[in-house]
Structure formats: C-alpha cells, structure tokens
Amino acid sequence: MISTVENSEIVVGLDIGTTKVSAVVGEVDEDGITILGVGNVPCRGLRKGVVSNVDWTTRSIAEAIEAAQTMAGVEIRTVYAGVCGSHIRCQPSDGVAAIGGGEVTPTDVDRVLEGARAIPIDADRQILHVLPHEFIVDNQDGIRDPVGMSGVRLGVHVNLITAASSPVQNVIRCAERCGLTVADVVLEPLASADSVLSEDEKEIGVAVIDIGGGTTDVLLYADGGIGHVSVIPVGGNNVTADIAAGLRTPMGEAERLKRKVGCALGRMVDDAEEIEVPGVGGHLSRTAPRRLLSDIIEPRVEEIFAVIRNRVEDTGLYDQLSAGAVLTGGGVLIEGMIEFAEEILGMPVRLGTPIGVRGITQLVDAPQYATGVGLVQYGASALADARGRDLGSSYHEDTLESPVSEERIARSGSRFLSWLRAAF
C-alpha cells in the first residue's frame, strides 16, 4: 500500500525475475482491483531466481518503480515482493489444537497453524508460508474453512514452504536500497497461480507451470488445496544459450530469434522457411533454415517438460489433475509450447494470463505478468484480512510501514490462510 484515494488503496507487486523486474500498480476498492500502471525493465542481477549482484538488481528495481510511478501517477513507497529460486523447499506437517469454546474461532485456526509450523528447520532457513491442505474437526476431515464449526479438537494438514534466509533478505535489501518498504515476501509461483487460475480449475485439480528465465516453478492443486510446490533450476535462459551456441549468434539476438521465429515443435515448421542470423564478433549475418532453430529449441523444451512430468508423478498427484496444466511466465512465449506440453505431460494444457482485474488490462494481458498481478492480488487480500480483523492503523504501522523482519515473515501464515480462502 502506498496511498489512500477516497475509499481505495494502492497496492504494488514487485516481481524480481532472472531476466526482468516488473512493478505492477493496482488500485483496490470494494469493487476489486484496477490496474493503473506497469514498469518493466531488463535485469542482469539475478541467477536462477537468486540475487547475484545487489547493485545491478537495485538499479533495475529503481528503474521499474520509476516507470510504474510515471504511468500510474502515484508515489510508490511500499511493495509486495516475490521470491523464488532452487533454495525453495516444500514439506508436509500436521498440527492439533483444542477448540476453546466448543466452536472454532479464527484464534483456534491461528493456534493450530502455529502448531503445524513448530518443526525443526536449519538455522539458515525460514518458513515463508504455511499452506493448509485440509482441516479436521474431531473426526471430520476434508474441511477447508473450519471457523464456526462445533467440536472439541481441531487438526490441520499443511505444506510448509521454506526458503534459505540469505536470498530472501537480499531481495528485501535491494528494495530497501531503492527507498522502498517490503510489506511482505511472497513465493512467486503462489502469486502466479492465483492470477491465472479459475475457481473450477482449483476445485478439480490443476498444475501451474511458470517458466521464467532462470527457473521453472511447478505448483499443484489437488483435493481443492495446494498439494505441492517445487522449483526446477532450468528456464528460458537455457534455451537462449543453446540457440546462441548452436547458431553462433549473440545472446541478445538468440533471445530475439527465440521469441520472434522460434518453434518448440520441429514438425510445425516448413522446411523451406529461412531466417536471418546475426553474426558475432564482427562476422556478417547469414541465412539459415528455420527448422535448424527449431531443432535446437526442441530438445531443451522436451527436457524441461520431462522433468516436470517426473516431478508431478513423484508426488502421486498426477491422476488428480483433472483440469490439466496451465503454462505461464515469459518462457512460454514460443510457438508450439502448448502443443508440445500436451504431448509430454499427457494432459490438456492452456496458456495462463492474468484474470480477475480491471483497468488498463492490456498492459498485463501476457503470461510474463502473472506473478506481478498475483502479488497485487495477494496484497489486496492482506489488506482485506486486516480490515476483517479490525486492526486498523496498527496493522498499517506494524506491517506496511516497517521493514520486513524474519519474525514477521514467519507470522505470515495466518494472512496467507485468508488469501487461500478468497482463492477457493
């Protein structure tokens, strides 16, 4: 949140990716979220989703924020920042608590979630999110929201999302060097999923596959809840590097060729088609068959989807994904990706772009903005939860205007529960 306009709030999502930084500005009121502006700039300060150069990352954040401020006409002071990388882990846990007055209250839910998070973790790691999969009241299981139910014993099955502390703090530090306050840190695939999925897909089971520049994030909904989250340290940059090496062209030109004329399925390309390949190191441009470019892209994309399928099958949830898979992220912007994914994954696949927002939606109507829009939606839900708990200005002062500490990140589970309730 950065300002209040009449009865609305301004929420900013900051997506710090391997290849770009995006800042999405949304105005939140009783009617929903209106997109006001977007800032999107290249970034070279991350490697596989983790900050590797603080100065470069800080510069990219500052440029993205400046562009978003100019477009939206607001001053940005506070953001909801995304975090990702291969250091992310997902592990199951359980919690049990007595129901105080015979009826489940939000306080009982908080206590049982705290019990679920009370597990030993390494000193250099921290809990980002506590994701409830189901609640159990006495002997009744499969409950999504137990508040108001009668019983004496409340249980919960959760997935704990943990992260290495250093990468999380480096994201916060880069934002603070730009004069920003980080209201909360959110796992990026969770934000992406919330912005591209319909309620029906969540209900019957779906896989969200977010292919970014440095990583591929996989999130599974099963039995109406989040069943698994994993991060694969391979992404669109690996495809670009293969093209640069195979065609002997600069990385920038390889990225352009991938997006403009690349195809993930060689059989979709006419053998007679030719493309112009810029030279490297002073060499002249030359022509090459477009099929050659496709032959370079196809093996890497096949590898990525094969790893994804193996990960999904290892969870035991493959047969529960009745809605198939949703592809999102900038790495899916290659012709033939949807068709190839359907072949390898063995399920229906669609392209995921942000939904559930208004305003100048054409600015974010692309898969690479799924995370940024999802972060705005997360922030909107956090504000709604704060009002619901009647925290008023004290919430604003403690959570939105002070730097994020590890302790506050650890307390984000209850706020995330409200986000999940809204999502379901």
Protein backbone atom coordinates (compact mmCIF):
# COMPACT_ATOMS: atom_id res chain seq x y z
CA MET A 1 0.00 0.00 0.00
CA ILE A 2 1.30 3.47 -0.83
CA SER A 3 -1.57 5.86 -0.58
CA THR A 4 -5.29 6.11 0.07
CA VAL A 5 -7.54 7.67 -2.58
CA GLU A 6 -11.05 8.20 -1.19
CA ASN A 7 -12.12 4.64 -0.26
CA SER A 8 -9.40 2.85 -2.22
CA GLU A 9 -5.87 1.62 -1.55
CA ILE A 10 -2.86 1.44 -3.86
CA VAL A 11 -1.02 -1.90 -3.87
CA VAL A 12 2.20 -2.64 -5.75
CA GLY A 13 3.54 -6.06 -6.72
CA LEU A 14 7.30 -6.29 -7.36
CA ASP A 15 8.31 -9.31 -9.46
CA ILE A 16 12.12 -9.63 -9.35
CA GLY A 17 12.94 -12.20 -12.01
CA THR A 18 16.11 -13.56 -13.55
CA THR A 19 15.68 -11.62 -16.79
CA LYS A 20 13.39 -8.73 -15.83
CA VAL A 21 11.93 -6.72 -12.97
CA SER A 22 8.24 -5.85 -13.17
CA ALA A 23 6.33 -3.46 -10.92
CA VAL A 24 2.54 -3.67 -11.20
CA VAL A 25 0.40 -0.94 -9.60
CA GLY A 26 -3.21 -1.72 -8.67
CA GLU A 27 -5.94 0.33 -7.04
CA VAL A 28 -8.02 -1.76 -4.64
CA ASP A 29 -11.57 -0.81 -3.67
CA GLU A 30 -14.80 -2.60 -2.80
CA ASP A 31 -15.35 -3.45 -6.48
CA GLY A 32 -11.99 -5.20 -6.97
CA ILE A 33 -8.58 -4.41 -8.42
CA THR A 34 -7.94 -1.82 -11.14
CA ILE A 35 -4.55 -1.88 -12.86
CA LEU A 36 -3.10 1.64 -13.03
CA GLY A 37 0.41 1.13 -14.37
CA VAL A 38 3.30 -1.21 -15.05
CA GLY A 39 7.06 -0.81 -15.06
CA ASN A 40 9.10 -3.49 -16.80
CA VAL A 41 12.89 -3.39 -17.28
CA PRO A 42 15.61 -5.97 -18.02
CA CYS A 43 17.61 -7.34 -15.10
CA ARG A 44 21.06 -8.94 -15.03
CA GLY A 45 21.47 -9.07 -11.26
CA LEU A 46 19.93 -12.48 -10.63
CA ARG A 47 20.99 -16.01 -11.40
CA LYS A 48 18.34 -18.76 -11.37
CA GLY A 49 15.98 -16.58 -9.38
CA VAL A 50 18.52 -15.58 -6.71
CA VAL A 51 20.19 -12.16 -6.35
CA SER A 52 23.80 -12.44 -7.50
CA ASN A 53 24.60 -8.74 -7.88
CA VAL A 54 22.96 -6.32 -5.45
CA ASP A 55 23.91 -3.15 -7.37
CA TRP A 56 22.52 -4.34 -10.71
CA THR A 57 19.35 -5.65 -9.09
CA THR A 58 18.84 -2.42 -7.15
CA ARG A 59 19.26 -0.38 -10.33
CA SER A 60 16.67 -2.49 -12.17
CA ILE A 61 14.19 -2.21 -9.29
CA ALA A 62 14.61 1.57 -9.21
CA GLU A 63 14.01 1.83 -12.97
CA ALA A 64 10.92 -0.39 -12.85
CA ILE A 65 9.45 1.53 -9.91
CA GLU A 66 10.12 4.86 -11.64
CA ALA A 67 8.37 3.67 -14.81
CA ALA A 68 5.39 2.35 -12.84
CA GLN A 69 5.09 5.58 -10.84
CA THR A 70 5.12 7.67 -14.00
CA MET A 71 2.42 5.60 -15.68
CA ALA A 72 0.18 5.29 -12.61
CA GLY A 73 0.66 8.84 -11.36
CA VAL A 74 1.35 7.75 -7.77
CA GLU A 75 4.34 7.68 -5.44
CA ILE A 76 5.41 4.14 -4.55
CA ARG A 77 6.75 3.60 -1.05
CA THR A 78 5.67 0.04 -0.21
CA VAL A 79 5.67 -3.17 -2.26
CA TYR A 80 4.82 -6.85 -2.02
CA ALA A 81 7.93 -8.61 -3.30
CA GLY A 82 8.16 -12.02 -4.93
CA VAL A 83 10.87 -14.55 -4.12
CA CYS A 84 11.84 -17.77 -5.83
CA GLY A 85 14.83 -20.00 -6.62
CA SER A 86 16.00 -23.56 -6.24
CA HIS A 87 16.50 -23.00 -2.48
CA ILE A 88 12.71 -23.21 -2.01
CA ARG A 89 11.51 -26.36 -0.25
CA CYS A 90 8.03 -27.80 0.38
CA GLN A 91 7.38 -30.27 3.20
CA PRO A 92 4.21 -31.61 4.87
CA SER A 93 3.38 -31.03 8.52
CA ASP A 94 0.43 -31.51 10.89
CA GLY A 95 -0.98 -29.51 13.77
CA VAL A 96 -3.51 -30.18 16.53
CA ALA A 97 -5.20 -27.81 18.99
CA ALA A 98 -8.08 -27.93 21.43
CA ILE A 99 -11.17 -25.90 20.49
CA GLY A 100 -11.65 -23.45 23.34
CA GLY A 101 -15.38 -22.64 23.46
CA GLY A 102 -16.85 -25.57 21.58
CA GLU A 103 -16.87 -23.58 18.32
CA VAL A 104 -13.89 -22.96 16.06
CA THR A 105 -12.74 -19.34 16.05
CA PRO A 106 -10.03 -17.59 13.99
CA THR A 107 -7.86 -17.74 17.12
CA ASP A 108 -8.17 -21.54 17.15
CA VAL A 109 -7.11 -21.61 13.49
CA ASP A 110 -4.08 -19.45 14.26
CA ARG A 111 -3.10 -21.75 17.13
CA VAL A 112 -3.35 -24.95 15.07
CA LEU A 113 -1.32 -23.37 12.26
CA GLU A 114 1.33 -22.32 14.76
CA GLY A 115 1.44 -25.91 15.96
CA ALA A 116 1.92 -27.14 12.38
CA ARG A 117 4.87 -24.79 11.87
CA ALA A 118 6.58 -25.87 15.09
CA ILE A 119 9.05 -28.22 13.43
CA PRO A 120 12.84 -28.06 13.46
CA ILE A 121 14.42 -26.36 10.45
CA ASP A 122 18.02 -25.46 9.67
CA ALA A 123 19.32 -22.26 11.20
CA ASP A 124 19.91 -20.72 7.77
CA ARG A 125 16.33 -21.32 6.61
CA GLN A 126 12.99 -19.73 7.41
CA ILE A 127 9.32 -20.54 6.88
CA LEU A 128 7.72 -18.38 4.18
CA HIS A 129 4.20 -19.80 4.11
CA VAL A 130 2.01 -22.30 5.91
CA LEU A 131 -0.39 -23.67 3.28
CA PRO A 132 -3.37 -25.52 4.79
CA HIS A 133 -4.42 -28.50 2.70
CA GLU A 134 -7.33 -29.57 4.91
CA PHE A 135 -8.66 -29.08 8.42
CA ILE A 136 -10.06 -31.81 10.65
CA VAL A 137 -12.71 -31.09 13.28
CA ASP A 138 -12.93 -34.08 15.61
CA ASN A 139 -13.18 -36.95 13.09
CA GLN A 140 -14.49 -34.95 10.14
CA ASP A 141 -11.80 -34.30 7.55
CA GLY A 142 -11.69 -32.50 4.20
CA ILE A 143 -12.70 -29.14 5.72
CA ARG A 144 -11.37 -26.01 4.04
CA ASP A 145 -12.56 -23.33 6.47
CA PRO A 146 -13.43 -24.63 9.95
CA VAL A 147 -14.42 -21.30 11.51
CA GLY A 148 -17.87 -21.58 13.10
CA MET A 149 -17.93 -25.39 13.27
CA SER A 150 -18.63 -27.19 16.54
CA GLY A 151 -16.14 -29.61 18.05
CA VAL A 152 -13.51 -30.18 20.71
CA ARG A 153 -10.39 -30.94 18.64
CA LEU A 154 -9.04 -29.10 15.59
CA GLY A 155 -6.38 -30.60 13.34
CA VAL A 156 -4.75 -29.48 10.11
CA HIS A 157 -2.58 -30.93 7.35
CA VAL A 158 -0.33 -28.27 5.81
CA ASN A 159 2.52 -27.81 3.39
CA LEU A 160 5.31 -25.65 4.77
CA ILE A 161 7.19 -23.52 2.26
CA THR A 162 10.71 -22.80 3.48
CA ALA A 163 13.45 -20.71 1.93
CA ALA A 164 17.10 -20.00 2.55
CA SER A 165 17.25 -16.83 4.64
CA SER A 166 20.02 -15.08 2.70
CA PRO A 167 18.24 -14.92 -0.70
CA VAL A 168 15.09 -13.61 0.98
CA GLN A 169 16.98 -10.93 2.89
CA ASN A 170 18.88 -9.93 -0.26
CA VAL A 171 15.59 -9.26 -2.06
CA ILE A 172 14.46 -7.10 0.86
CA ARG A 173 17.80 -5.32 0.98
CA CYS A 174 17.70 -4.45 -2.74
CA ALA A 175 14.20 -2.99 -2.36
CA GLU A 176 15.19 -1.01 0.73
CA ARG A 177 18.17 0.48 -1.12
CA CYS A 178 15.59 1.95 -3.51
CA GLY A 179 13.81 3.62 -0.60
CA LEU A 180 11.02 1.03 -0.52
CA THR A 181 9.43 -0.84 2.35
CA VAL A 182 8.63 -4.50 1.74
CA ALA A 183 5.19 -5.20 3.20
CA ASP A 184 5.54 -8.94 2.70
CA VAL A 185 7.57 -11.50 0.80
CA VAL A 186 5.55 -13.97 -1.27
CA LEU A 187 6.55 -17.14 -3.09
CA GLU A 188 6.22 -16.30 -6.78
CA PRO A 189 4.52 -19.49 -8.05
CA LEU A 190 1.77 -18.99 -5.46
CA ALA A 191 1.16 -15.48 -6.77
CA SER A 192 1.26 -16.65 -10.39
CA ALA A 193 -1.25 -19.42 -9.70
CA ASP A 194 -3.74 -17.10 -8.06
CA SER A 195 -3.68 -14.69 -11.01
CA VAL A 196 -4.19 -17.22 -13.81
CA LEU A 197 -6.44 -19.97 -12.38
CA SER A 198 -10.22 -20.17 -12.34
CA GLU A 199 -12.10 -21.47 -9.32
CA ASP A 200 -13.20 -24.56 -11.25
CA GLU A 201 -9.60 -25.48 -12.06
CA LYS A 202 -8.57 -25.20 -8.43
CA GLU A 203 -11.54 -27.30 -7.41
CA ILE A 204 -10.94 -30.29 -9.69
CA GLY A 205 -7.11 -30.24 -9.70
CA VAL A 206 -4.62 -28.43 -11.90
CA ALA A 207 -0.88 -27.92 -12.39
CA VAL A 208 0.52 -24.41 -12.79
CA ILE A 209 3.83 -24.33 -14.66
CA ASP A 210 5.60 -20.96 -14.59
CA ILE A 211 8.62 -20.97 -16.93
CA GLY A 212 10.80 -17.96 -16.23
CA GLY A 213 14.25 -17.03 -17.40
CA GLY A 214 16.23 -18.94 -14.78
CA THR A 215 13.77 -21.33 -13.14
CA THR A 216 10.61 -23.30 -13.80
CA ASP A 217 8.09 -23.29 -10.95
CA VAL A 218 5.54 -26.07 -10.53
CA LEU A 219 2.51 -25.78 -8.25
CA LEU A 220 -0.20 -28.44 -7.95
CA TYR A 221 -3.77 -28.00 -6.75
CA ALA A 222 -5.41 -31.27 -5.66
CA ASP A 223 -8.45 -32.01 -3.49
CA GLY A 224 -9.28 -28.31 -3.51
CA GLY A 225 -5.97 -27.24 -1.93
CA ILE A 226 -2.31 -26.71 -2.74
CA GLY A 227 -0.72 -30.15 -2.75
CA HIS A 228 2.85 -29.48 -3.90
CA VAL A 229 5.28 -26.72 -4.82
CA SER A 230 8.70 -27.21 -6.40
CA VAL A 231 11.28 -25.16 -8.30
CA ILE A 232 13.36 -26.57 -11.17
CA PRO A 233 16.62 -24.64 -11.85
CA VAL A 234 16.11 -24.59 -15.64
CA GLY A 235 14.26 -21.99 -17.69
CA GLY A 236 14.10 -19.90 -20.83
CA ASN A 237 17.69 -18.72 -20.50
CA ASN A 238 18.87 -22.28 -21.09
CA VAL A 239 17.00 -22.33 -24.40
CA THR A 240 18.52 -18.96 -25.34
CA ALA A 241 22.04 -20.17 -24.50
CA ASP A 242 21.53 -23.26 -26.67
CA ILE A 243 20.48 -21.05 -29.59
CA ALA A 244 23.44 -18.70 -29.13
CA ALA A 245 25.87 -21.63 -29.14
CA GLY A 246 24.19 -23.58 -31.92
CA LEU A 247 23.78 -20.64 -34.32
CA ARG A 248 26.90 -18.74 -33.19
CA THR A 249 25.00 -15.53 -32.50
CA PRO A 250 25.00 -13.09 -29.54
CA MET A 251 22.74 -13.89 -26.57
CA GLY A 252 20.56 -10.85 -27.23
CA GLU A 253 19.97 -11.92 -30.82
CA ALA A 254 19.38 -15.51 -29.71
CA GLU A 255 16.64 -14.28 -27.37
CA ARG A 256 15.07 -12.27 -30.19
CA LEU A 257 15.14 -15.24 -32.57
CA LYS A 258 13.62 -17.48 -29.91
CA ARG A 259 10.67 -15.17 -29.33
CA LYS A 260 10.09 -13.97 -32.91
CA VAL A 261 10.65 -17.06 -35.07
CA GLY A 262 11.37 -19.91 -32.65
CA CYS A 263 9.19 -23.02 -32.54
CA ALA A 264 9.24 -25.78 -29.94
CA LEU A 265 7.98 -28.45 -32.36
CA GLY A 266 10.06 -29.03 -35.47
CA ARG A 267 7.23 -30.64 -37.42
CA MET A 268 5.29 -27.36 -37.28
CA VAL A 269 7.99 -25.62 -39.34
CA ASP A 270 8.12 -25.62 -43.15
CA ASP A 271 11.47 -26.93 -44.37
CA ALA A 272 11.61 -24.12 -46.93
CA GLU A 273 11.46 -21.31 -44.35
CA GLU A 274 14.67 -19.36 -43.74
CA ILE A 275 15.69 -16.86 -41.10
CA GLU A 276 18.45 -14.26 -40.84
CA VAL A 277 21.01 -15.00 -38.13
CA PRO A 278 23.17 -12.04 -36.96
CA GLY A 279 26.86 -12.81 -36.68
CA VAL A 280 29.02 -12.47 -33.57
CA GLY A 281 32.38 -10.78 -33.18
CA GLY A 282 32.14 -8.77 -36.38
CA HIS A 283 31.00 -11.63 -38.61
CA LEU A 284 28.30 -10.83 -41.16
CA SER A 285 24.72 -12.01 -40.85
CA ARG A 286 23.75 -15.16 -42.69
CA THR A 287 20.62 -17.10 -43.53
CA ALA A 288 19.75 -20.45 -42.01
CA PRO A 289 16.76 -22.80 -42.16
CA ARG A 290 14.14 -22.00 -39.54
CA ARG A 291 13.95 -25.74 -38.97
CA LEU A 292 17.54 -25.61 -37.66
CA LEU A 293 16.45 -23.14 -34.96
CA SER A 294 13.56 -25.41 -34.02
CA ASP A 295 15.89 -28.43 -33.84
CA ILE A 296 17.93 -26.54 -31.24
CA ILE A 297 14.92 -25.45 -29.17
CA GLU A 298 13.00 -28.73 -29.17
CA PRO A 299 15.42 -30.94 -27.15
CA ARG A 300 15.74 -28.40 -24.32
CA VAL A 301 11.99 -27.82 -24.10
CA GLU A 302 11.42 -31.57 -24.14
CA GLU A 303 13.89 -31.91 -21.26
CA ILE A 304 12.09 -29.27 -19.22
CA PHE A 305 8.67 -30.86 -19.66
CA ALA A 306 10.05 -34.35 -19.00
CA VAL A 307 11.48 -33.17 -15.66
CA ILE A 308 8.16 -31.53 -14.83
CA ARG A 309 6.25 -34.72 -15.57
CA ASN A 310 8.64 -36.74 -13.40
CA ARG A 311 8.22 -34.26 -10.53
CA VAL A 312 4.44 -34.42 -10.80
CA GLU A 313 4.37 -38.22 -10.95
CA ASP A 314 6.67 -38.45 -7.93
CA THR A 315 4.11 -36.54 -5.85
CA GLY A 316 1.42 -39.14 -6.53
CA LEU A 317 -0.99 -36.38 -7.59
CA TYR A 318 -0.78 -36.85 -11.37
CA ASP A 319 -4.16 -38.59 -11.66
CA GLN A 320 -5.85 -35.86 -9.61
CA LEU A 321 -5.06 -33.06 -12.10
CA SER A 322 -8.35 -33.29 -13.96
CA ALA A 323 -8.09 -29.73 -15.32
CA GLY A 324 -4.67 -30.44 -16.81
CA ALA A 325 -1.94 -27.81 -16.76
CA VAL A 326 -1.69 -24.03 -17.18
CA LEU A 327 1.51 -22.64 -18.70
CA THR A 328 2.56 -19.13 -17.73
CA GLY A 329 5.70 -17.00 -17.44
CA GLY A 330 7.82 -15.35 -20.12
CA GLY A 331 9.46 -18.63 -21.09
CA VAL A 332 6.26 -19.98 -22.67
CA LEU A 333 6.22 -17.34 -25.43
CA ILE A 334 7.47 -19.74 -28.08
CA GLU A 335 5.30 -21.14 -30.84
CA GLY A 336 4.35 -24.76 -30.26
CA MET A 337 4.88 -24.75 -26.48
CA ILE A 338 1.26 -25.61 -25.67
CA GLU A 339 1.14 -28.47 -28.18
CA PHE A 340 4.49 -29.88 -27.05
CA ALA A 341 3.50 -29.64 -23.38
CA GLU A 342 0.33 -31.62 -24.05
CA GLU A 343 2.36 -34.38 -25.70
CA ILE A 344 4.97 -34.70 -22.94
CA LEU A 345 2.70 -34.14 -19.95
CA GLY A 346 -0.14 -36.26 -21.28
CA MET A 347 -2.86 -33.81 -20.23
CA PRO A 348 -4.74 -30.79 -21.62
CA VAL A 349 -2.72 -27.57 -21.45
CA ARG A 350 -3.68 -23.92 -21.85
CA LEU A 351 -1.85 -20.59 -21.74
CA GLY A 352 -2.27 -18.66 -18.50
CA THR A 353 -2.62 -14.88 -18.46
CA PRO A 354 -3.79 -12.72 -15.52
CA ILE A 355 -7.53 -12.68 -14.79
CA GLY A 356 -9.75 -11.01 -12.21
CA VAL A 357 -8.51 -7.43 -12.67
CA ARG A 358 -9.86 -4.32 -14.40
CA GLY A 359 -8.42 -1.08 -15.76
CA ILE A 360 -5.76 -0.99 -18.45
CA THR A 361 -5.61 -4.76 -18.56
CA GLN A 362 -3.89 -4.78 -21.94
CA LEU A 363 -0.72 -3.81 -20.07
CA VAL A 364 -0.70 -7.11 -18.16
CA ASP A 365 -2.50 -9.39 -20.63
CA ALA A 366 0.53 -11.63 -21.10
CA PRO A 367 1.95 -14.62 -19.20
CA GLN A 368 5.09 -12.77 -18.08
CA TYR A 369 2.92 -10.51 -15.87
CA ALA A 370 1.18 -13.33 -14.00
CA THR A 371 3.44 -13.02 -10.95
CA GLY A 372 3.22 -9.23 -10.70
CA VAL A 373 -0.57 -9.23 -10.87
CA GLY A 374 -0.72 -12.12 -8.40
CA LEU A 375 1.38 -10.13 -5.93
CA VAL A 376 -1.09 -7.25 -6.17
CA GLN A 377 -3.93 -9.70 -5.52
CA TYR A 378 -2.07 -11.06 -2.50
CA GLY A 379 -1.61 -7.55 -1.15
CA ALA A 380 -5.30 -6.77 -1.70
CA SER A 381 -6.27 -9.90 0.26
CA ALA A 382 -3.87 -8.98 3.07
CA LEU A 383 -5.48 -5.55 3.36
CA ALA A 384 -8.97 -7.09 3.36
CA ASP A 385 -7.90 -9.52 6.08
CA ALA A 386 -6.53 -6.62 8.14
CA ARG A 387 -9.88 -4.84 7.94
CA GLY A 388 -11.73 -8.05 8.77
CA ARG A 389 -9.67 -8.43 11.94
CA ASP A 390 -10.28 -4.76 12.76
CA LEU A 391 -6.60 -3.98 13.14
CA GLY A 392 -6.94 -0.56 11.59
CA SER A 393 -3.97 1.78 11.77
CA SER A 394 -1.91 -0.55 13.96
CA TYR A 395 -1.73 -3.03 11.07
CA HIS A 396 -0.68 -0.26 8.72
CA GLU A 397 2.04 0.87 11.10
CA ASP A 398 3.42 -2.56 12.00
CA THR A 399 3.15 -4.40 8.72
CA LEU A 400 3.17 -1.88 5.94
CA GLU A 401 5.44 0.89 7.13
CA SER A 402 8.21 -1.03 8.88
CA PRO A 403 10.87 -3.26 7.30
CA VAL A 404 10.13 -6.96 7.00
CA SER A 405 11.83 -8.98 9.72
CA GLU A 406 12.29 -12.72 9.74
CA GLU A 407 9.84 -12.88 12.65
CA ARG A 408 7.14 -11.11 10.66
CA ILE A 409 7.74 -13.34 7.65
CA ALA A 410 7.27 -16.29 9.99
CA ARG A 411 3.91 -14.86 11.10
CA SER A 412 2.56 -14.57 7.54
CA GLY A 413 0.79 -17.94 7.70
CA SER A 414 -2.50 -16.60 9.05
CA ARG A 415 -2.61 -13.80 6.47
CA PHE A 416 -1.88 -16.35 3.75
CA LEU A 417 -4.77 -18.50 5.01
CA SER A 418 -7.18 -15.65 4.28
CA TRP A 419 -5.70 -15.37 0.80
CA LEU A 420 -6.34 -19.07 0.24
CA ARG A 421 -9.92 -18.70 1.47
CA ALA A 422 -10.50 -15.94 -1.06
CA ALA A 423 -8.86 -18.04 -3.79
CA PHE A 424 -11.11 -21.02 -3.07
